[in-house]
Amino acid sequence: MNDLRIYVDFAAPPDALELLRQGTKGQQLLFPRTPASSILGTPAHDPQLATADIAFGQPDPQAVAEARQLKWIHVSSSSITRYDNPRFRSLVAERKIAVSNSASVFNEACAVHVLGFMLAQARNLPRALESRAANGSDAWHALRGASSTLKGETVLIVGFGAIGRRLAELLGPLDMKVIGYRRKARGNESVPVIAEDQLVRALLRPTTSSTSFQTARRRATFSMPAALPPSSRARFSTILGGARRSIRMPCRTLCGQDTSRPPGWT
């Protein structure tokens, strides 16, 4: 087999770089003069990509279109937002370019991060930290009364991939009802999976009269999931707006598309 040319567009610390060299021993690594500063930034044009067999990082979609030798793209993040469009999907399908992402790298950290937000909101930690209420005061008793557990609550995970699956596992011991949403159910999901046309009903109709999203004190958290295709994002914004108005409860929004700041979904 001929040596593979692997284009790596990001800067890595020495220990990670050594692991990469060991794992690709016998292949040729290509590095840009100006590495990408962030997974959210647009990489500088580098003619080396056009000669590569494999791209590892966040290659610019237009540069990918011009790289005729590419056989495989591995995205260095969990999110594939910049590639999740019909034009790019058509391009890689036509040229038979394999595309993979790093969801299994970040699933534990992201799932724990989301769980942390859920627990903090259920126990009213943001409000408690802000108030600094004195022990035994009216404000202190109000905080205690407004705090709850997650037991018996319903959580909707929008984007049931590697991170969503791990979050569902972490929620298991909390005795919650977990529902997943993904564009195409695969049949091997560990929780019930709904389609896009079922989202409104899932958001607006609790399973029992005492069940609400996030806490029994009628609080909810909504955010825009990266998992939705661009064509559905405007529709989902409308769904969320309708859900907020119909449920008539205060909502906090947790946003973030970077895998280091995953969206919390409940």
C-alpha atoms as a PDB file:
ATOM      1  CA  MET A   1       0.000   0.000   0.000  1.00  0.00           C
ATOM      2  CA  ASN A   2       1.300   3.452  -0.903  1.00  0.00           C
ATOM      3  CA  ASP A   3       2.022   5.903   1.894  1.00  0.00           C
ATOM      4  CA  LEU A   4      -0.989   8.031   2.752  1.00  0.00           C
ATOM      5  CA  ARG A   5      -0.686  11.798   2.891  1.00  0.00           C
ATOM      6  CA  ILE A   6      -2.567  13.040   5.984  1.00  0.00           C
ATOM      7  CA  TYR A   7      -3.290  16.752   6.249  1.00  0.00           C
ATOM      8  CA  VAL A   8      -3.672  17.957   9.861  1.00  0.00           C
ATOM      9  CA  ASP A   9      -4.889  21.549  10.063  1.00  0.00           C
ATOM     10  CA  PHE A  10      -4.658  22.222  13.815  1.00  0.00           C
ATOM     11  CA  ALA A  11      -1.837  22.813  16.261  1.00  0.00           C
ATOM     12  CA  ALA A  12      -1.332  20.014  18.788  1.00  0.00           C
ATOM     13  CA  PRO A  13       0.691  19.948  22.017  1.00  0.00           C
ATOM     14  CA  PRO A  14       3.906  17.867  21.864  1.00  0.00           C
ATOM     15  CA  ASP A  15       2.444  14.815  23.641  1.00  0.00           C
ATOM     16  CA  ALA A  16      -0.612  14.687  21.366  1.00  0.00           C
ATOM     17  CA  LEU A  17       1.582  15.225  18.316  1.00  0.00           C
ATOM     18  CA  GLU A  18       3.782  12.296  19.362  1.00  0.00           C
ATOM     19  CA  LEU A  19       0.732  10.057  19.716  1.00  0.00           C
ATOM     20  CA  LEU A  20      -0.396  11.125  16.263  1.00  0.00           C
ATOM     21  CA  ARG A  21       3.021  10.326  14.786  1.00  0.00           C
ATOM     22  CA  GLN A  22       3.073   6.923  16.448  1.00  0.00           C
ATOM     23  CA  GLY A  23      -0.434   6.095  15.301  1.00  0.00           C
ATOM     24  CA  THR A  24       0.310   7.071  11.702  1.00  0.00           C
ATOM     25  CA  LYS A  25       3.812   5.630  11.496  1.00  0.00           C
ATOM     26  CA  GLY A  26       4.776   4.956   7.887  1.00  0.00           C
ATOM     27  CA  GLN A  27       2.392   7.609   6.573  1.00  0.00           C
ATOM     28  CA  GLN A  28       3.180  11.222   5.678  1.00  0.00           C
ATOM     29  CA  LEU A  29       1.829  13.975   7.907  1.00  0.00           C
ATOM     30  CA  LEU A  30       1.240  17.405   6.371  1.00  0.00           C
ATOM     31  CA  PHE A  31       0.936  20.505   8.564  1.00  0.00           C
ATOM     32  CA  PRO A  32      -0.110  24.017   7.471  1.00  0.00           C
ATOM     33  CA  ARG A  33       2.079  27.051   8.022  1.00  0.00           C
ATOM     34  CA  THR A  34      -0.817  28.682   9.860  1.00  0.00           C
ATOM     35  CA  PRO A  35      -2.739  26.123  11.932  1.00  0.00           C
ATOM     36  CA  ALA A  36      -6.410  26.759  12.649  1.00  0.00           C
ATOM     37  CA  SER A  37      -6.807  28.790  15.836  1.00  0.00           C
ATOM     38  CA  SER A  38     -10.224  27.378  16.681  1.00  0.00           C
ATOM     39  CA  ILE A  39     -12.605  24.691  15.493  1.00  0.00           C
ATOM     40  CA  LEU A  40     -15.053  27.535  14.829  1.00  0.00           C
ATOM     41  CA  GLY A  41     -12.652  29.506  12.626  1.00  0.00           C
ATOM     42  CA  THR A  42     -12.152  29.154   8.873  1.00  0.00           C
ATOM     43  CA  PRO A  43      -8.782  27.529   8.088  1.00  0.00           C
ATOM     44  CA  ALA A  44      -6.381  29.456   5.883  1.00  0.00           C
ATOM     45  CA  HIS A  45      -6.048  28.149   2.331  1.00  0.00           C
ATOM     46  CA  ASP A  46      -3.196  25.656   2.042  1.00  0.00           C
ATOM     47  CA  PRO A  47      -2.288  23.965  -1.268  1.00  0.00           C
ATOM     48  CA  GLN A  48      -1.111  20.873   0.622  1.00  0.00           C
ATOM     49  CA  LEU A  49      -4.710  19.840   1.222  1.00  0.00           C
ATOM     50  CA  ALA A  50      -5.162  19.343  -2.514  1.00  0.00           C
ATOM     51  CA  THR A  51      -2.495  16.609  -2.414  1.00  0.00           C
ATOM     52  CA  ALA A  52      -3.805  14.805   0.678  1.00  0.00           C
ATOM     53  CA  ASP A  53      -5.555  11.446   0.921  1.00  0.00           C
ATOM     54  CA  ILE A  54      -6.899  12.144   4.412  1.00  0.00           C
ATOM     55  CA  ALA A  55      -7.895  15.417   6.098  1.00  0.00           C
ATOM     56  CA  PHE A  56      -7.935  15.591   9.894  1.00  0.00           C
ATOM     57  CA  GLY A  57      -9.335  18.716  11.553  1.00  0.00           C
ATOM     58  CA  GLN A  58     -11.792  21.269  10.217  1.00  0.00           C
ATOM     59  CA  PRO A  59     -11.096  21.489   6.462  1.00  0.00           C
ATOM     60  CA  ASP A  60     -12.878  24.257   4.606  1.00  0.00           C
ATOM     61  CA  PRO A  61     -15.711  22.777   2.485  1.00  0.00           C
ATOM     62  CA  GLN A  62     -14.624  24.742  -0.592  1.00  0.00           C
ATOM     63  CA  ALA A  63     -11.062  23.452  -0.208  1.00  0.00           C
ATOM     64  CA  VAL A  64     -12.449  19.935   0.106  1.00  0.00           C
ATOM     65  CA  ALA A  65     -14.254  20.391  -3.223  1.00  0.00           C
ATOM     66  CA  GLU A  66     -10.905  21.223  -4.838  1.00  0.00           C
ATOM     67  CA  ALA A  67      -8.991  18.368  -3.180  1.00  0.00           C
ATOM     68  CA  ARG A  68      -9.495  15.617  -5.752  1.00  0.00           C
ATOM     69  CA  GLN A  69      -7.382  12.984  -3.958  1.00  0.00           C
ATOM     70  CA  LEU A  70      -9.285  13.019  -0.669  1.00  0.00           C
ATOM     71  CA  LYS A  71     -10.606   9.647   0.467  1.00  0.00           C
ATOM     72  CA  TRP A  72     -11.440  10.351   4.102  1.00  0.00           C
ATOM     73  CA  ILE A  73     -12.232  13.402   6.250  1.00  0.00           C
ATOM     74  CA  HIS A  74     -12.118  13.056  10.021  1.00  0.00           C
ATOM     75  CA  VAL A  75     -13.620  16.100  11.766  1.00  0.00           C
ATOM     76  CA  SER A  76     -11.778  16.929  14.995  1.00  0.00           C
ATOM     77  CA  SER A  77     -14.956  17.965  16.841  1.00  0.00           C
ATOM     78  CA  SER A  78     -18.259  16.332  17.636  1.00  0.00           C
ATOM     79  CA  SER A  79     -20.188  19.016  15.763  1.00  0.00           C
ATOM     80  CA  ILE A  80     -20.279  18.861  11.957  1.00  0.00           C
ATOM     81  CA  THR A  81     -22.365  22.008  11.472  1.00  0.00           C
ATOM     82  CA  ARG A  82     -20.278  23.487   8.639  1.00  0.00           C
ATOM     83  CA  TYR A  83     -20.544  20.220   6.686  1.00  0.00           C
ATOM     84  CA  ASP A  84     -24.183  19.463   7.435  1.00  0.00           C
ATOM     85  CA  ASN A  85     -25.804  20.732   4.274  1.00  0.00           C
ATOM     86  CA  PRO A  86     -27.101  19.124   1.062  1.00  0.00           C
ATOM     87  CA  ARG A  87     -24.287  20.521  -1.106  1.00  0.00           C
ATOM     88  CA  PHE A  88     -21.495  19.025   0.989  1.00  0.00           C
ATOM     89  CA  ARG A  89     -23.323  15.737   1.504  1.00  0.00           C
ATOM     90  CA  SER A  90     -23.810  15.458  -2.251  1.00  0.00           C
ATOM     91  CA  LEU A  91     -20.139  16.200  -2.891  1.00  0.00           C
ATOM     92  CA  VAL A  92     -18.767  13.524  -0.548  1.00  0.00           C
ATOM     93  CA  ALA A  93     -21.382  10.985  -1.665  1.00  0.00           C
ATOM     94  CA  GLU A  94     -20.537  11.523  -5.337  1.00  0.00           C
ATOM     95  CA  ARG A  95     -16.793  11.241  -4.734  1.00  0.00           C
ATOM     96  CA  LYS A  96     -17.158   8.445  -2.159  1.00  0.00           C
ATOM     97  CA  ILE A  97     -15.276  10.372   0.541  1.00  0.00           C
ATOM     98  CA  ALA A  98     -15.739   8.865   3.995  1.00  0.00           C
ATOM     99  CA  VAL A  99     -16.598  11.433   6.688  1.00  0.00           C
ATOM    100  CA  SER A 100     -16.364  10.786  10.429  1.00  0.00           C
ATOM    101  CA  ASN A 101     -16.415  12.946  13.552  1.00  0.00           C
ATOM    102  CA  SER A 102     -15.080  12.876  17.116  1.00  0.00           C
ATOM    103  CA  ALA A 103     -18.312  12.449  19.067  1.00  0.00           C
ATOM    104  CA  SER A 104     -16.958   9.377  20.861  1.00  0.00           C
ATOM    105  CA  VAL A 105     -13.981  11.465  22.045  1.00  0.00           C
ATOM    106  CA  PHE A 106     -16.142  14.142  23.679  1.00  0.00           C
ATOM    107  CA  ASN A 107     -19.229  12.162  24.695  1.00  0.00           C
ATOM    108  CA  GLU A 108     -18.284  11.652  28.347  1.00  0.00           C
ATOM    109  CA  ALA A 109     -17.233  15.263  29.012  1.00  0.00           C
ATOM    110  CA  CYS A 110     -20.193  16.748  27.129  1.00  0.00           C
ATOM    111  CA  ALA A 111     -22.766  14.461  28.755  1.00  0.00           C
ATOM    112  CA  VAL A 112     -21.403  15.195  32.236  1.00  0.00           C
ATOM    113  CA  HIS A 113     -21.416  18.920  31.416  1.00  0.00           C
ATOM    114  CA  VAL A 114     -25.095  18.826  30.450  1.00  0.00           C
ATOM    115  CA  LEU A 115     -25.981  16.726  33.493  1.00  0.00           C
ATOM    116  CA  GLY A 116     -24.221  19.311  35.657  1.00  0.00           C
ATOM    117  CA  PHE A 117     -26.457  22.065  34.291  1.00  0.00           C
ATOM    118  CA  MET A 118     -29.577  19.970  34.836  1.00  0.00           C
ATOM    119  CA  LEU A 119     -28.710  19.192  38.442  1.00  0.00           C
ATOM    120  CA  ALA A 120     -27.708  22.794  39.137  1.00  0.00           C
ATOM    121  CA  GLN A 121     -31.021  24.084  37.833  1.00  0.00           C
ATOM    122  CA  ALA A 122     -33.068  21.471  39.686  1.00  0.00           C
ATOM    123  CA  ARG A 123     -31.353  22.460  42.942  1.00  0.00           C
ATOM    124  CA  ASN A 124     -31.577  26.189  42.130  1.00  0.00           C
ATOM    125  CA  LEU A 125     -27.808  26.656  42.436  1.00  0.00           C
ATOM    126  CA  PRO A 126     -27.520  29.701  40.113  1.00  0.00           C
ATOM    127  CA  ARG A 127     -30.205  31.535  42.084  1.00  0.00           C
ATOM    128  CA  ALA A 128     -28.695  30.446  45.397  1.00  0.00           C
ATOM    129  CA  LEU A 129     -25.216  31.680  44.465  1.00  0.00           C
ATOM    130  CA  GLU A 130     -26.671  35.005  43.370  1.00  0.00           C
ATOM    131  CA  SER A 131     -28.791  35.550  46.475  1.00  0.00           C
ATOM    132  CA  ARG A 132     -26.340  34.533  49.238  1.00  0.00           C
ATOM    133  CA  ALA A 133     -29.425  34.172  51.456  1.00  0.00           C
ATOM    134  CA  ALA A 134     -28.771  33.924  55.197  1.00  0.00           C
ATOM    135  CA  ASN A 135     -29.550  30.606  56.855  1.00  0.00           C
ATOM    136  CA  GLY A 136     -33.140  30.555  58.108  1.00  0.00           C
ATOM    137  CA  SER A 137     -34.212  33.741  56.282  1.00  0.00           C
ATOM    138  CA  ASP A 138     -37.359  33.981  54.151  1.00  0.00           C
ATOM    139  CA  ALA A 139     -35.205  33.984  51.015  1.00  0.00           C
ATOM    140  CA  TRP A 140     -33.398  30.868  52.236  1.00  0.00           C
ATOM    141  CA  HIS A 141     -36.695  29.037  52.833  1.00  0.00           C
ATOM    142  CA  ALA A 142     -37.937  30.161  49.389  1.00  0.00           C
ATOM    143  CA  LEU A 143     -34.844  28.684  47.759  1.00  0.00           C
ATOM    144  CA  ARG A 144     -35.310  25.386  49.565  1.00  0.00           C
ATOM    145  CA  GLY A 145     -38.966  25.278  48.602  1.00  0.00           C
ATOM    146  CA  ALA A 146     -38.218  25.963  44.947  1.00  0.00           C
ATOM    147  CA  SER A 147     -35.553  23.247  44.706  1.00  0.00           C
ATOM    148  CA  SER A 148     -36.428  19.773  43.519  1.00  0.00           C
ATOM    149  CA  THR A 149     -34.956  16.518  42.251  1.00  0.00           C
ATOM    150  CA  LEU A 150     -35.109  15.127  38.745  1.00  0.00           C
ATOM    151  CA  LYS A 151     -36.971  11.974  39.739  1.00  0.00           C
ATOM    152  CA  GLY A 152     -40.049  11.420  37.601  1.00  0.00           C
ATOM    153  CA  GLU A 153     -39.237  14.264  35.220  1.00  0.00           C
ATOM    154  CA  THR A 154     -39.244  13.966  31.422  1.00  0.00           C
ATOM    155  CA  VAL A 155     -36.153  14.898  29.420  1.00  0.00           C
ATOM    156  CA  LEU A 156     -36.072  15.309  25.652  1.00  0.00           C
ATOM    157  CA  ILE A 157     -32.598  14.888  24.116  1.00  0.00           C
ATOM    158  CA  VAL A 158     -32.524  16.510  20.695  1.00  0.00           C
ATOM    159  CA  GLY A 159     -29.713  14.921  18.733  1.00  0.00           C
ATOM    160  CA  PHE A 160     -29.464  11.361  20.016  1.00  0.00           C
ATOM    161  CA  GLY A 161     -25.927  10.531  18.937  1.00  0.00           C
ATOM    162  CA  ALA A 162     -22.918   9.478  21.002  1.00  0.00           C
ATOM    163  CA  ILE A 163     -23.325  12.352  23.475  1.00  0.00           C
ATOM    164  CA  GLY A 164     -27.089  11.890  23.772  1.00  0.00           C
ATOM    165  CA  ARG A 165     -26.683   8.160  24.379  1.00  0.00           C
ATOM    166  CA  ARG A 166     -24.156   8.763  27.149  1.00  0.00           C
ATOM    167  CA  LEU A 167     -26.387  11.408  28.746  1.00  0.00           C
ATOM    168  CA  ALA A 168     -29.287   8.938  28.720  1.00  0.00           C
ATOM    169  CA  GLU A 169     -27.073   6.414  30.532  1.00  0.00           C
ATOM    170  CA  LEU A 170     -26.142   8.974  33.182  1.00  0.00           C
ATOM    171  CA  LEU A 171     -29.804   9.894  33.676  1.00  0.00           C
ATOM    172  CA  GLY A 172     -30.850   6.256  34.141  1.00  0.00           C
ATOM    173  CA  PRO A 173     -30.291   6.074  37.939  1.00  0.00           C
ATOM    174  CA  LEU A 174     -32.264   9.313  38.399  1.00  0.00           C
ATOM    175  CA  ASP A 175     -35.532   7.594  37.441  1.00  0.00           C
ATOM    176  CA  MET A 176     -36.387  10.020  34.646  1.00  0.00           C
ATOM    177  CA  LYS A 177     -38.371   9.417  31.484  1.00  0.00           C
ATOM    178  CA  VAL A 178     -35.923   9.953  28.605  1.00  0.00           C
ATOM    179  CA  ILE A 179     -37.050  10.625  25.024  1.00  0.00           C
ATOM    180  CA  GLY A 180     -34.682  11.051  22.091  1.00  0.00           C
ATOM    181  CA  TYR A 181     -34.945  12.879  18.778  1.00  0.00           C
ATOM    182  CA  ARG A 182     -32.836  12.178  15.728  1.00  0.00           C
ATOM    183  CA  ARG A 183     -33.395  12.756  12.059  1.00  0.00           C
ATOM    184  CA  LYS A 184     -33.295   9.065  11.209  1.00  0.00           C
ATOM    185  CA  ALA A 185     -33.931   6.509  13.919  1.00  0.00           C
ATOM    186  CA  ARG A 186     -31.647   3.479  13.594  1.00  0.00           C
ATOM    187  CA  GLY A 187     -33.694   1.078  15.674  1.00  0.00           C
ATOM    188  CA  ASN A 188     -30.935   0.400  18.207  1.00  0.00           C
ATOM    189  CA  GLU A 189     -31.589   3.419  20.451  1.00  0.00           C
ATOM    190  CA  SER A 190     -31.818   2.756  24.179  1.00  0.00           C
ATOM    191  CA  VAL A 191     -34.775   5.148  24.597  1.00  0.00           C
ATOM    192  CA  PRO A 192     -37.980   5.916  22.643  1.00  0.00           C
ATOM    193  CA  VAL A 193     -37.142   8.104  19.627  1.00  0.00           C
ATOM    194  CA  ILE A 194     -39.534  10.609  18.081  1.00  0.00           C
ATOM    195  CA  ALA A 195     -39.617  12.262  14.661  1.00  0.00           C
ATOM    196  CA  GLU A 196     -39.648  16.001  13.921  1.00  0.00           C
ATOM    197  CA  ASP A 197     -43.423  16.131  13.531  1.00  0.00           C
ATOM    198  CA  GLN A 198     -43.776  14.772  17.075  1.00  0.00           C
ATOM    199  CA  LEU A 199     -41.615  17.436  18.732  1.00  0.00           C
ATOM    200  CA  VAL A 200     -44.434  19.852  19.541  1.00  0.00           C
ATOM    201  CA  ARG A 201     -46.485  17.153  21.242  1.00  0.00           C
ATOM    202  CA  ALA A 202     -43.431  15.920  23.159  1.00  0.00           C
ATOM    203  CA  LEU A 203     -42.697  19.439  24.409  1.00  0.00           C
ATOM    204  CA  LEU A 204     -46.249  20.388  25.304  1.00  0.00           C
ATOM    205  CA  ARG A 205     -47.839  17.253  26.717  1.00  0.00           C
ATOM    206  CA  PRO A 206     -46.293  15.943  29.951  1.00  0.00           C
ATOM    207  CA  THR A 207     -46.771  12.270  30.777  1.00  0.00           C
ATOM    208  CA  THR A 208     -48.596  13.064  34.042  1.00  0.00           C
ATOM    209  CA  SER A 209     -50.331  16.103  35.459  1.00  0.00           C
ATOM    210  CA  SER A 210     -47.410  16.679  37.826  1.00  0.00           C
ATOM    211  CA  THR A 211     -44.629  16.208  35.265  1.00  0.00           C
ATOM    212  CA  SER A 212     -43.005  19.182  33.596  1.00  0.00           C
ATOM    213  CA  PHE A 213     -39.720  19.693  31.809  1.00  0.00           C
ATOM    214  CA  GLN A 214     -36.792  20.100  34.167  1.00  0.00           C
ATOM    215  CA  THR A 215     -38.630  20.418  37.516  1.00  0.00           C
ATOM    216  CA  ALA A 216     -42.026  19.924  39.114  1.00  0.00           C
ATOM    217  CA  ARG A 217     -41.921  23.628  40.001  1.00  0.00           C
ATOM    218  CA  ARG A 218     -42.775  24.411  36.346  1.00  0.00           C
ATOM    219  CA  ARG A 219     -39.364  25.459  35.090  1.00  0.00           C
ATOM    220  CA  ALA A 220     -38.000  24.543  31.698  1.00  0.00           C
ATOM    221  CA  THR A 221     -34.821  24.904  29.702  1.00  0.00           C
ATOM    222  CA  PHE A 222     -34.849  25.199  25.935  1.00  0.00           C
ATOM    223  CA  SER A 223     -32.038  25.713  23.409  1.00  0.00           C
ATOM    224  CA  MET A 224     -31.350  25.329  19.714  1.00  0.00           C
ATOM    225  CA  PRO A 225     -29.699  21.945  19.079  1.00  0.00           C
ATOM    226  CA  ALA A 226     -26.819  21.639  16.626  1.00  0.00           C
ATOM    227  CA  ALA A 227     -28.251  18.249  15.632  1.00  0.00           C
ATOM    228  CA  LEU A 228     -31.085  19.799  13.633  1.00  0.00           C
ATOM    229  CA  PRO A 229     -30.503  20.262   9.897  1.00  0.00           C
ATOM    230  CA  PRO A 230     -30.409  23.904   8.756  1.00  0.00           C
ATOM    231  CA  SER A 231     -33.779  23.476   7.014  1.00  0.00           C
ATOM    232  CA  SER A 232     -35.384  22.573  10.353  1.00  0.00           C
ATOM    233  CA  ARG A 233     -33.775  25.202  12.575  1.00  0.00           C
ATOM    234  CA  ALA A 234     -36.243  28.004  11.707  1.00  0.00           C
ATOM    235  CA  ARG A 235     -39.160  25.615  12.184  1.00  0.00           C
ATOM    236  CA  PHE A 236     -37.752  24.459  15.514  1.00  0.00           C
ATOM    237  CA  SER A 237     -37.333  28.062  16.662  1.00  0.00           C
ATOM    238  CA  THR A 238     -41.053  28.490  16.025  1.00  0.00           C
ATOM    239  CA  ILE A 239     -41.801  25.275  17.926  1.00  0.00           C
ATOM    240  CA  LEU A 240     -39.788  26.440  20.925  1.00  0.00           C
ATOM    241  CA  GLY A 241     -41.463  29.841  20.887  1.00  0.00           C
ATOM    242  CA  GLY A 242     -44.874  28.177  20.841  1.00  0.00           C
ATOM    243  CA  ALA A 243     -43.849  25.786  23.591  1.00  0.00           C
ATOM    244  CA  ARG A 244     -42.696  28.648  25.813  1.00  0.00           C
ATOM    245  CA  ARG A 245     -45.973  30.519  25.321  1.00  0.00           C
ATOM    246  CA  SER A 246     -48.172  27.459  25.725  1.00  0.00           C
ATOM    247  CA  ILE A 247     -46.468  26.120  28.832  1.00  0.00           C
ATOM    248  CA  ARG A 248     -46.327  29.682  30.253  1.00  0.00           C
ATOM    249  CA  MET A 249     -43.342  29.071  32.461  1.00  0.00           C
ATOM    250  CA  PRO A 250     -40.083  31.005  32.824  1.00  0.00           C
ATOM    251  CA  CYS A 251     -37.418  29.589  30.536  1.00  0.00           C
ATOM    252  CA  ARG A 252     -33.645  29.755  30.692  1.00  0.00           C
ATOM    253  CA  THR A 253     -31.748  29.217  27.453  1.00  0.00           C
ATOM    254  CA  LEU A 254     -28.468  27.314  27.351  1.00  0.00           C
ATOM    255  CA  CYS A 255     -26.714  27.780  24.018  1.00  0.00           C
ATOM    256  CA  GLY A 256     -23.425  26.648  22.552  1.00  0.00           C
ATOM    257  CA  GLN A 257     -22.343  24.752  19.461  1.00  0.00           C
ATOM    258  CA  ASP A 258     -18.723  24.222  20.498  1.00  0.00           C
ATOM    259  CA  THR A 259     -18.160  20.752  21.914  1.00  0.00           C
ATOM    260  CA  SER A 260     -16.441  22.306  24.896  1.00  0.00           C
ATOM    261  CA  ARG A 261     -19.708  24.102  25.669  1.00  0.00           C
ATOM    262  CA  PRO A 262     -22.424  21.573  24.788  1.00  0.00           C
ATOM    263  CA  PRO A 263     -26.075  22.600  24.722  1.00  0.00           C
ATOM    264  CA  GLY A 264     -28.085  21.370  27.698  1.00  0.00           C
ATOM    265  CA  TRP A 265     -31.396  19.858  26.709  1.00  0.00           C
ATOM    266  CA  THR A 266     -34.270  19.156  29.001  1.00  0.00           C
END
